[in-house]
C-alpha cells in the first residue's frame, strides 16, 4: 500500500492555510533579499532617482536606458535636481568606467582591448578623434584628444597626432574615434586619414598599431571597426 506524507486531506489543507501568502516586494526589499542581479534596469534607475514617477518620466522621454545613458547633464537637469542628475550620470557610466579601467591594466595589443579602453566615446554626441599613446609593452601612457567636430565630421591633422607621440616619447600609438550615429563603418574620410597617418608614422618610425572606430552594435554586429583587423593598415 503506498505511503502518504499527509495523514489526511484536512492536514494538507491546514498547512496550505498556514503558509504565508505571496506578496510583492519593494525594489529596496528585492535588493536586500536577492541582490542587484534580481533587479531590472528600470528598478536600478528607480533606486538611484529615489522616486518611481521621476524614473518613469526619464524613460518615457528618452525611450530606453541605452538612450538615457547618452543624455547630457543639461538634458538630465530638465527632470532632476543637480545632485540627482550627477548621481544618474555616474550610475549609468559606472559599468563602462570599470571595464575601461580594467582594460587599461592590460596591453592594448588587439582591437577589442583598444575598444574597451575607450568605451566612454560611445556616449559622445560629437565626433572626437583621440590618440592613445603606448609604451614598448603596448600599455597606455596617456590618451590625448586631438579634435572635436560636428556630429557628421571631425578634422584631425596628422601633425597634432605625431606631436603628442613625440612629446610623450611613445613607442607606439593607436588612433580611436567615434561615430555618434552608432554605425562604426569607416567613411572615405576615415580611410584617407588613416592612410595619411600610416605614411607619416613610417617616416617618423613610430609604430601605428590600429585605428578603431567606436560605435554601437548594429543589427547584431560589433560595436567597433578595426582597420588593422580589416587589413587596411
C-alpha atoms as a PDB file:
ATOM      1  CA  UNK A   1       0.000   0.000   0.000  1.00  0.00           C
ATOM      2  CA  UNK A   2       1.508   3.410  -0.944  1.00  0.00           C
ATOM      3  CA  UNK A   3       2.684   5.644   1.892  1.00  0.00           C
ATOM      4  CA  UNK A   4       1.177   9.143   2.104  1.00  0.00           C
ATOM      5  CA  UNK A   5       3.112  12.059   3.503  1.00  0.00           C
ATOM      6  CA  UNK A   6      -0.036  13.620   4.918  1.00  0.00           C
ATOM      7  CA  UNK A   7      -2.392  11.559   7.073  1.00  0.00           C
ATOM      8  CA  UNK A   8      -5.489  13.268   5.736  1.00  0.00           C
ATOM      9  CA  UNK A   9      -6.658  15.886   3.299  1.00  0.00           C
ATOM     10  CA  UNK A  10      -7.545  18.115   6.247  1.00  0.00           C
ATOM     11  CA  UNK A  11      -3.932  18.088   7.408  1.00  0.00           C
ATOM     12  CA  UNK A  12      -2.779  19.209   3.953  1.00  0.00           C
ATOM     13  CA  UNK A  13      -5.390  21.974   3.934  1.00  0.00           C
ATOM     14  CA  UNK A  14      -4.217  23.230   7.327  1.00  0.00           C
ATOM     15  CA  UNK A  15      -0.624  23.515   6.033  1.00  0.00           C
ATOM     16  CA  UNK A  16      -1.725  25.423   2.937  1.00  0.00           C
ATOM     17  CA  UNK A  17      -3.747  27.853   5.019  1.00  0.00           C
ATOM     18  CA  UNK A  18      -0.840  28.372   7.401  1.00  0.00           C
ATOM     19  CA  UNK A  19       1.612  29.151   4.599  1.00  0.00           C
ATOM     20  CA  UNK A  20       2.346  32.862   4.074  1.00  0.00           C
ATOM     21  CA  UNK A  21       0.538  34.402   1.140  1.00  0.00           C
ATOM     22  CA  UNK A  22       2.613  35.603  -1.795  1.00  0.00           C
ATOM     23  CA  UNK A  23       3.414  39.317  -1.738  1.00  0.00           C
ATOM     24  CA  UNK A  24       5.194  41.794  -3.929  1.00  0.00           C
ATOM     25  CA  UNK A  25       8.451  43.271  -2.683  1.00  0.00           C
ATOM     26  CA  UNK A  26       9.620  46.842  -2.990  1.00  0.00           C
ATOM     27  CA  UNK A  27      12.773  47.478  -5.007  1.00  0.00           C
ATOM     28  CA  UNK A  28      14.737  48.026  -1.796  1.00  0.00           C
ATOM     29  CA  UNK A  29      13.460  44.751  -0.341  1.00  0.00           C
ATOM     30  CA  UNK A  30      14.349  42.845  -3.515  1.00  0.00           C
ATOM     31  CA  UNK A  31      17.841  44.303  -3.414  1.00  0.00           C
ATOM     32  CA  UNK A  32      18.309  43.323   0.230  1.00  0.00           C
ATOM     33  CA  UNK A  33      16.896  39.810  -0.244  1.00  0.00           C
ATOM     34  CA  UNK A  34      18.255  38.789  -3.636  1.00  0.00           C
ATOM     35  CA  UNK A  35      20.995  41.225  -4.613  1.00  0.00           C
ATOM     36  CA  UNK A  36      21.304  43.618  -7.536  1.00  0.00           C
ATOM     37  CA  UNK A  37      21.171  40.830 -10.138  1.00  0.00           C
ATOM     38  CA  UNK A  38      17.479  40.366  -9.289  1.00  0.00           C
ATOM     39  CA  UNK A  39      16.653  43.955 -10.280  1.00  0.00           C
ATOM     40  CA  UNK A  40      15.706  45.129 -13.748  1.00  0.00           C
ATOM     41  CA  UNK A  41      17.325  48.162 -15.327  1.00  0.00           C
ATOM     42  CA  UNK A  42      14.260  50.247 -14.531  1.00  0.00           C
ATOM     43  CA  UNK A  43      14.403  49.177 -10.889  1.00  0.00           C
ATOM     44  CA  UNK A  44      18.063  50.206 -10.679  1.00  0.00           C
ATOM     45  CA  UNK A  45      17.118  53.607 -12.045  1.00  0.00           C
ATOM     46  CA  UNK A  46      14.299  53.971  -9.515  1.00  0.00           C
ATOM     47  CA  UNK A  47      16.744  53.312  -6.689  1.00  0.00           C
ATOM     48  CA  UNK A  48      19.154  55.955  -7.957  1.00  0.00           C
ATOM     49  CA  UNK A  49      16.473  58.586  -8.617  1.00  0.00           C
ATOM     50  CA  UNK A  50      14.522  57.837  -5.456  1.00  0.00           C
ATOM     51  CA  UNK A  51      11.081  58.412  -6.957  1.00  0.00           C
ATOM     52  CA  UNK A  52       9.339  55.977  -9.279  1.00  0.00           C
ATOM     53  CA  UNK A  53       7.478  58.746 -11.072  1.00  0.00           C
ATOM     54  CA  UNK A  54      10.712  60.583 -11.935  1.00  0.00           C
ATOM     55  CA  UNK A  55      12.400  57.404 -13.159  1.00  0.00           C
ATOM     56  CA  UNK A  56       9.391  56.588 -15.320  1.00  0.00           C
ATOM     57  CA  UNK A  57       9.342  60.123 -16.717  1.00  0.00           C
ATOM     58  CA  UNK A  58      13.003  59.825 -17.717  1.00  0.00           C
ATOM     59  CA  UNK A  59      12.369  56.570 -19.541  1.00  0.00           C
ATOM     60  CA  UNK A  60       9.319  57.948 -21.324  1.00  0.00           C
ATOM     61  CA  UNK A  61      11.289  60.951 -22.523  1.00  0.00           C
ATOM     62  CA  UNK A  62      14.478  59.178 -23.621  1.00  0.00           C
ATOM     63  CA  UNK A  63      12.844  55.923 -24.702  1.00  0.00           C
ATOM     64  CA  UNK A  64      15.290  53.452 -23.158  1.00  0.00           C
ATOM     65  CA  UNK A  65      18.080  53.110 -20.630  1.00  0.00           C
ATOM     66  CA  UNK A  66      20.561  52.967 -23.506  1.00  0.00           C
ATOM     67  CA  UNK A  67      19.385  56.326 -24.808  1.00  0.00           C
ATOM     68  CA  UNK A  68      19.319  57.726 -21.277  1.00  0.00           C
ATOM     69  CA  UNK A  69      22.951  56.705 -20.769  1.00  0.00           C
ATOM     70  CA  UNK A  70      23.916  59.094 -23.589  1.00  0.00           C
ATOM     71  CA  UNK A  71      21.981  62.036 -22.157  1.00  0.00           C
ATOM     72  CA  UNK A  72      23.920  65.167 -21.336  1.00  0.00           C
ATOM     73  CA  UNK A  73      23.970  66.727 -17.909  1.00  0.00           C
ATOM     74  CA  UNK A  74      21.902  69.637 -19.236  1.00  0.00           C
ATOM     75  CA  UNK A  75      19.251  67.234 -20.542  1.00  0.00           C
ATOM     76  CA  UNK A  76      19.018  65.435 -17.205  1.00  0.00           C
ATOM     77  CA  UNK A  77      18.670  68.733 -15.366  1.00  0.00           C
ATOM     78  CA  UNK A  78      15.335  69.261 -17.139  1.00  0.00           C
ATOM     79  CA  UNK A  79      13.962  66.483 -14.919  1.00  0.00           C
ATOM     80  CA  UNK A  80      16.270  66.238 -11.913  1.00  0.00           C
ATOM     81  CA  UNK A  81      17.968  68.463  -9.340  1.00  0.00           C
ATOM     82  CA  UNK A  82      21.720  68.821  -9.730  1.00  0.00           C
ATOM     83  CA  UNK A  83      22.801  66.110  -7.275  1.00  0.00           C
ATOM     84  CA  UNK A  84      20.314  63.572  -8.669  1.00  0.00           C
ATOM     85  CA  UNK A  85      21.434  64.335 -12.230  1.00  0.00           C
ATOM     86  CA  UNK A  86      25.049  63.801 -11.174  1.00  0.00           C
ATOM     87  CA  UNK A  87      24.111  60.508  -9.493  1.00  0.00           C
ATOM     88  CA  UNK A  88      22.265  59.233 -12.575  1.00  0.00           C
ATOM     89  CA  UNK A  89      25.157  60.090 -14.880  1.00  0.00           C
ATOM     90  CA  UNK A  90      27.621  58.375 -12.549  1.00  0.00           C
ATOM     91  CA  UNK A  91      25.455  55.283 -12.130  1.00  0.00           C
ATOM     92  CA  UNK A  92      24.837  54.834 -15.853  1.00  0.00           C
ATOM     93  CA  UNK A  93      28.527  55.174 -16.707  1.00  0.00           C
ATOM     94  CA  UNK A  94      29.908  53.098 -13.824  1.00  0.00           C
ATOM     95  CA  UNK A  95      29.975  49.838 -15.778  1.00  0.00           C
ATOM     96  CA  UNK A  96      31.852  51.411 -18.687  1.00  0.00           C
ATOM     97  CA  UNK A  97      34.304  53.103 -16.336  1.00  0.00           C
ATOM     98  CA  UNK A  98      35.048  49.821 -14.554  1.00  0.00           C
ATOM     99  CA  UNK A  99      35.550  47.967 -17.849  1.00  0.00           C
ATOM    100  CA  UNK A 100      37.759  50.748 -19.208  1.00  0.00           C
ATOM    101  CA  UNK A 101      39.940  50.791 -16.091  1.00  0.00           C
ATOM    102  CA  UNK A 102      40.314  47.011 -16.276  1.00  0.00           C
ATOM    103  CA  UNK A 103      41.254  47.180 -19.973  1.00  0.00           C
ATOM    104  CA  UNK A 104      43.926  49.778 -19.240  1.00  0.00           C
ATOM    105  CA  UNK A 105      45.656  47.339 -16.885  1.00  0.00           C
ATOM    106  CA  UNK A 106      46.494  45.083 -19.827  1.00  0.00           C
ATOM    107  CA  UNK A 107      48.445  45.657 -23.070  1.00  0.00           C
ATOM    108  CA  UNK A 108      46.352  47.276 -25.786  1.00  0.00           C
ATOM    109  CA  UNK A 109      47.546  44.879 -28.465  1.00  0.00           C
ATOM    110  CA  UNK A 110      44.233  43.984 -30.094  1.00  0.00           C
ATOM    111  CA  UNK A 111      41.163  45.828 -31.333  1.00  0.00           C
ATOM    112  CA  UNK A 112      38.815  44.596 -28.621  1.00  0.00           C
ATOM    113  CA  UNK A 113      41.154  45.759 -25.857  1.00  0.00           C
ATOM    114  CA  UNK A 114      41.503  49.163 -27.549  1.00  0.00           C
ATOM    115  CA  UNK A 115      37.720  49.432 -27.865  1.00  0.00           C
ATOM    116  CA  UNK A 116      37.140  48.556 -24.204  1.00  0.00           C
ATOM    117  CA  UNK A 117      39.758  51.087 -23.129  1.00  0.00           C
ATOM    118  CA  UNK A 118      37.738  53.816 -24.872  1.00  0.00           C
ATOM    119  CA  UNK A 119      34.139  52.891 -24.044  1.00  0.00           C
ATOM    120  CA  UNK A 120      33.430  56.424 -22.880  1.00  0.00           C
ATOM    121  CA  UNK A 121      33.436  57.505 -26.533  1.00  0.00           C
ATOM    122  CA  UNK A 122      30.176  55.622 -27.130  1.00  0.00           C
ATOM    123  CA  UNK A 123      28.350  58.355 -25.200  1.00  0.00           C
ATOM    124  CA  UNK A 124      29.793  61.301 -27.132  1.00  0.00           C
ATOM    125  CA  UNK A 125      27.380  63.351 -29.231  1.00  0.00           C
ATOM    126  CA  UNK A 126      30.239  64.903 -31.191  1.00  0.00           C
ATOM    127  CA  UNK A 127      32.810  63.090 -33.285  1.00  0.00           C
ATOM    128  CA  UNK A 128      36.059  63.032 -31.326  1.00  0.00           C
ATOM    129  CA  UNK A 129      39.487  61.903 -32.522  1.00  0.00           C
ATOM    130  CA  UNK A 130      41.739  60.513 -29.808  1.00  0.00           C
ATOM    131  CA  UNK A 131      45.265  59.154 -29.880  1.00  0.00           C
ATOM    132  CA  UNK A 132      46.229  56.519 -27.308  1.00  0.00           C
ATOM    133  CA  UNK A 133      49.972  56.535 -26.677  1.00  0.00           C
ATOM    134  CA  UNK A 134      51.680  53.281 -25.755  1.00  0.00           C
ATOM    135  CA  UNK A 135      54.981  52.140 -24.283  1.00  0.00           C
ATOM    136  CA  UNK A 136      57.127  49.283 -25.608  1.00  0.00           C
ATOM    137  CA  UNK A 137      54.816  46.749 -23.927  1.00  0.00           C
ATOM    138  CA  UNK A 138      51.768  48.356 -25.554  1.00  0.00           C
ATOM    139  CA  UNK A 139      50.484  49.669 -22.244  1.00  0.00           C
ATOM    140  CA  UNK A 140      48.760  53.032 -22.179  1.00  0.00           C
ATOM    141  CA  UNK A 141      50.930  56.035 -21.341  1.00  0.00           C
ATOM    142  CA  UNK A 142      48.141  58.537 -21.814  1.00  0.00           C
ATOM    143  CA  UNK A 143      45.218  59.473 -24.048  1.00  0.00           C
ATOM    144  CA  UNK A 144      45.113  62.752 -25.942  1.00  0.00           C
ATOM    145  CA  UNK A 145      42.025  64.156 -27.647  1.00  0.00           C
ATOM    146  CA  UNK A 146      43.151  65.650 -30.937  1.00  0.00           C
ATOM    147  CA  UNK A 147      39.958  67.191 -32.234  1.00  0.00           C
ATOM    148  CA  UNK A 148      36.237  67.545 -31.770  1.00  0.00           C
ATOM    149  CA  UNK A 149      33.981  68.037 -34.751  1.00  0.00           C
ATOM    150  CA  UNK A 150      30.337  68.245 -35.582  1.00  0.00           C
ATOM    151  CA  UNK A 151      28.096  65.209 -35.395  1.00  0.00           C
ATOM    152  CA  UNK A 152      28.925  64.434 -39.034  1.00  0.00           C
ATOM    153  CA  UNK A 153      32.568  65.348 -39.430  1.00  0.00           C
ATOM    154  CA  UNK A 154      35.784  65.820 -37.491  1.00  0.00           C
ATOM    155  CA  UNK A 155      39.073  67.385 -38.590  1.00  0.00           C
ATOM    156  CA  UNK A 156      42.272  65.829 -37.307  1.00  0.00           C
ATOM    157  CA  UNK A 157      45.628  66.915 -38.644  1.00  0.00           C
ATOM    158  CA  UNK A 158      48.328  64.210 -38.527  1.00  0.00           C
ATOM    159  CA  UNK A 159      50.775  66.833 -37.209  1.00  0.00           C
ATOM    160  CA  UNK A 160      48.852  67.023 -33.914  1.00  0.00           C
ATOM    161  CA  UNK A 161      48.867  63.251 -33.564  1.00  0.00           C
ATOM    162  CA  UNK A 162      52.613  62.957 -34.100  1.00  0.00           C
ATOM    163  CA  UNK A 163      53.334  65.922 -31.815  1.00  0.00           C
ATOM    164  CA  UNK A 164      51.604  64.097 -28.943  1.00  0.00           C
ATOM    165  CA  UNK A 165      53.519  60.890 -29.686  1.00  0.00           C
ATOM    166  CA  UNK A 166      56.862  62.714 -29.715  1.00  0.00           C
ATOM    167  CA  UNK A 167      56.180  64.781 -26.576  1.00  0.00           C
ATOM    168  CA  UNK A 168      55.342  61.644 -24.584  1.00  0.00           C
ATOM    169  CA  UNK A 169      58.152  59.546 -26.135  1.00  0.00           C
ATOM    170  CA  UNK A 170      55.635  56.933 -27.214  1.00  0.00           C
ATOM    171  CA  UNK A 171      56.862  53.649 -28.667  1.00  0.00           C
ATOM    172  CA  UNK A 172      53.563  53.172 -30.496  1.00  0.00           C
ATOM    173  CA  UNK A 173      50.083  54.638 -30.757  1.00  0.00           C
ATOM    174  CA  UNK A 174      46.560  53.793 -31.792  1.00  0.00           C
ATOM    175  CA  UNK A 175      44.004  56.154 -33.206  1.00  0.00           C
ATOM    176  CA  UNK A 176      40.432  55.995 -31.903  1.00  0.00           C
ATOM    177  CA  UNK A 177      37.404  57.996 -32.932  1.00  0.00           C
ATOM    178  CA  UNK A 178      33.669  57.638 -32.507  1.00  0.00           C
ATOM    179  CA  UNK A 179      30.685  57.755 -34.836  1.00  0.00           C
ATOM    180  CA  UNK A 180      27.773  59.385 -32.971  1.00  0.00           C
ATOM    181  CA  UNK A 181      25.392  57.796 -35.488  1.00  0.00           C
ATOM    182  CA  UNK A 182      26.254  54.435 -33.917  1.00  0.00           C
ATOM    183  CA  UNK A 183      27.407  52.867 -37.196  1.00  0.00           C
ATOM    184  CA  UNK A 184      31.148  52.092 -36.880  1.00  0.00           C
ATOM    185  CA  UNK A 185      31.625  51.605 -40.627  1.00  0.00           C
ATOM    186  CA  UNK A 186      34.500  53.909 -41.680  1.00  0.00           C
ATOM    187  CA  UNK A 187      33.850  56.746 -44.088  1.00  0.00           C
ATOM    188  CA  UNK A 188      36.077  57.599 -47.036  1.00  0.00           C
ATOM    189  CA  UNK A 189      37.476  60.472 -44.975  1.00  0.00           C
ATOM    190  CA  UNK A 190      38.353  57.969 -42.219  1.00  0.00           C
ATOM    191  CA  UNK A 191      40.222  55.820 -44.741  1.00  0.00           C
ATOM    192  CA  UNK A 192      42.130  58.798 -46.121  1.00  0.00           C
ATOM    193  CA  UNK A 193      43.060  59.991 -42.630  1.00  0.00           C
ATOM    194  CA  UNK A 194      44.332  56.522 -41.738  1.00  0.00           C
ATOM    195  CA  UNK A 195      46.431  56.289 -44.890  1.00  0.00           C
ATOM    196  CA  UNK A 196      47.994  59.701 -44.255  1.00  0.00           C
ATOM    197  CA  UNK A 197      48.850  58.888 -40.644  1.00  0.00           C
ATOM    198  CA  UNK A 198      50.297  55.498 -41.628  1.00  0.00           C
ATOM    199  CA  UNK A 199      52.578  57.184 -44.169  1.00  0.00           C
ATOM    200  CA  UNK A 200      53.771  59.729 -41.594  1.00  0.00           C
ATOM    201  CA  UNK A 201      54.345  57.051 -38.961  1.00  0.00           C
ATOM    202  CA  UNK A 202      56.615  55.134 -41.349  1.00  0.00           C
ATOM    203  CA  UNK A 203      58.707  58.248 -41.965  1.00  0.00           C
ATOM    204  CA  UNK A 204      58.981  59.034 -38.247  1.00  0.00           C
ATOM    205  CA  UNK A 205      59.499  55.355 -37.365  1.00  0.00           C
ATOM    206  CA  UNK A 206      56.682  55.329 -34.834  1.00  0.00           C
ATOM    207  CA  UNK A 207      54.519  52.217 -34.648  1.00  0.00           C
ATOM    208  CA  UNK A 208      50.941  52.926 -35.744  1.00  0.00           C
ATOM    209  CA  UNK A 209      49.136  49.807 -34.482  1.00  0.00           C
ATOM    210  CA  UNK A 210      45.492  50.399 -35.357  1.00  0.00           C
ATOM    211  CA  UNK A 211      42.676  52.829 -35.994  1.00  0.00           C
ATOM    212  CA  UNK A 212      39.499  51.803 -34.188  1.00  0.00           C
ATOM    213  CA  UNK A 213      36.119  53.381 -34.871  1.00  0.00           C
ATOM    214  CA  UNK A 214      33.779  53.242 -31.860  1.00  0.00           C
ATOM    215  CA  UNK A 215      30.039  52.952 -32.453  1.00  0.00           C
ATOM    216  CA  UNK A 216      27.059  50.978 -31.212  1.00  0.00           C
ATOM    217  CA  UNK A 217      26.197  47.380 -32.065  1.00  0.00           C
ATOM    218  CA  UNK A 218      24.255  47.486 -35.338  1.00  0.00           C
ATOM    219  CA  UNK A 219      21.903  44.608 -36.307  1.00  0.00           C
ATOM    220  CA  UNK A 220      23.816  42.086 -34.254  1.00  0.00           C
ATOM    221  CA  UNK A 221      27.200  43.305 -35.491  1.00  0.00           C
ATOM    222  CA  UNK A 222      30.146  44.543 -33.476  1.00  0.00           C
ATOM    223  CA  UNK A 223      30.297  47.919 -31.793  1.00  0.00           C
ATOM    224  CA  UNK A 224      33.614  48.859 -33.367  1.00  0.00           C
ATOM    225  CA  UNK A 225      35.601  48.682 -36.591  1.00  0.00           C
ATOM    226  CA  UNK A 226      39.326  47.922 -36.691  1.00  0.00           C
ATOM    227  CA  UNK A 227      41.418  48.997 -39.676  1.00  0.00           C
ATOM    228  CA  UNK A 228      44.102  46.513 -38.680  1.00  0.00           C
ATOM    229  CA  UNK A 229      41.681  43.584 -38.491  1.00  0.00           C
ATOM    230  CA  UNK A 230      40.149  44.592 -41.815  1.00  0.00           C
ATOM    231  CA  UNK A 231      43.575  44.518 -43.478  1.00  0.00           C
ATOM    232  CA  UNK A 232      43.511  48.250 -44.198  1.00  0.00           C
ATOM    233  CA  UNK A 233      46.559  49.050 -42.093  1.00  0.00           C
END
